[in-house]
Protein backbone atom coordinates (compact mmCIF):
# COMPACT_ATOMS: atom_id res chain seq x y z
CA UNK A 1 49.41 253.79 -2.00
CA UNK A 2 45.15 253.67 -2.29
CA UNK A 3 44.10 256.13 -4.89
CA UNK A 4 40.32 257.62 -4.28
CA UNK A 5 38.04 258.53 -6.81
CA UNK A 6 35.40 261.29 -7.01
CA UNK A 7 32.26 258.79 -7.43
CA UNK A 8 29.97 261.18 -9.72
CA UNK A 9 32.99 260.69 -12.62
CA UNK A 10 32.37 257.06 -12.31
CA UNK A 11 28.66 257.29 -12.72
CA UNK A 12 29.12 259.41 -15.58
CA UNK A 13 31.21 257.09 -16.97
CA UNK A 14 29.07 254.21 -16.68
CA UNK A 15 25.83 256.50 -18.67
CA UNK A 16 28.40 257.28 -21.21
CA UNK A 17 29.78 253.54 -22.14
CA UNK A 18 25.65 252.75 -21.84
CA UNK A 19 25.37 255.72 -24.54
CA UNK A 20 27.89 254.41 -26.75
CA UNK A 21 26.35 251.15 -26.99
CA UNK A 22 23.03 250.70 -25.89
CA UNK A 23 22.10 247.65 -26.90
CA UNK A 24 25.11 245.97 -24.93
CA UNK A 25 26.26 244.83 -21.26
CA UNK A 26 29.80 245.27 -20.35
CA UNK A 27 31.71 244.76 -17.21
CA UNK A 28 32.11 247.27 -14.47
CA UNK A 29 35.99 246.68 -14.72
CA UNK A 30 35.79 248.01 -18.90
CA UNK A 31 34.90 251.77 -17.24
CA UNK A 32 37.98 252.26 -14.97
CA UNK A 33 39.84 250.08 -17.39
CA UNK A 34 38.41 252.59 -19.75
CA UNK A 35 38.87 255.81 -17.81
CA UNK A 36 42.55 254.54 -16.01
CA UNK A 37 44.00 252.30 -18.42
CA UNK A 38 47.22 252.30 -16.33
CA UNK A 39 45.95 251.60 -13.16
CA UNK A 40 42.44 250.60 -13.21
CA UNK A 41 42.62 247.92 -11.44
CA UNK A 42 42.95 249.91 -8.46
CA UNK A 43 39.44 250.85 -9.09
CA UNK A 44 37.48 248.19 -9.88
CA UNK A 45 36.05 248.00 -6.27
CA UNK A 46 34.71 251.80 -6.71
CA UNK A 47 33.12 250.85 -10.02
CA UNK A 48 31.13 248.05 -9.11
CA UNK A 49 29.92 250.31 -5.54
CA UNK A 50 28.70 252.82 -7.86
CA UNK A 51 26.78 250.27 -10.49
CA UNK A 52 25.22 248.92 -7.38
CA UNK A 53 23.90 251.89 -6.45
CA UNK A 54 22.73 253.08 -9.68
CA UNK A 55 21.23 250.24 -9.99
CA UNK A 56 19.36 250.70 -6.28
CA UNK A 57 18.63 253.94 -7.66
CA UNK A 58 16.90 251.83 -10.63
CA UNK A 59 19.26 254.49 -13.68
CA UNK A 60 20.87 251.19 -14.68
CA UNK A 61 19.93 247.15 -15.19
CA UNK A 62 22.34 244.45 -14.15
CA UNK A 63 22.89 241.22 -15.77
CA UNK A 64 23.87 237.85 -13.73
CA UNK A 65 24.04 234.59 -16.20
CA UNK A 66 22.07 236.63 -18.86
CA UNK A 67 19.13 237.56 -17.63
CA UNK A 68 18.27 240.89 -15.59
CA UNK A 69 19.02 240.44 -11.82
CA UNK A 70 16.62 241.76 -8.93
CA UNK A 71 18.23 241.71 -5.19
CA UNK A 72 17.69 238.14 -4.51
CA UNK A 73 19.49 236.50 -7.55
CA UNK A 74 22.12 239.22 -7.42
CA UNK A 75 25.81 237.90 -7.23
CA UNK A 76 27.68 241.15 -6.84
CA UNK A 77 31.05 239.99 -7.51
CA UNK A 78 29.93 239.14 -11.21
CA UNK A 79 27.45 241.22 -13.11
CA UNK A 80 27.32 243.42 -16.13
CA UNK A 81 25.65 246.48 -16.73
CA UNK A 82 23.53 247.71 -19.12
CA UNK A 83 20.45 250.30 -20.26
CA UNK A 84 17.94 249.98 -17.84
CA UNK A 85 14.76 248.50 -19.60
């Protein structure tokens, strides 16, 4: 069974993780592990999509290979989320 998530909750969770650890980056999966510890695997694609949307809107930065990413270098399957610089 596919569960749906109200996307704004994922945005709030991403922003809250940044607030709690402003100088650290984190994997998108950590967000859904925190929210849904028993079934987080079902929501990884959703949180990745939300992080990409927030990046496009300029709300967060994404890190790939230890460096800030831009649209040409971003590997959408392997990045970390960090506060907007």
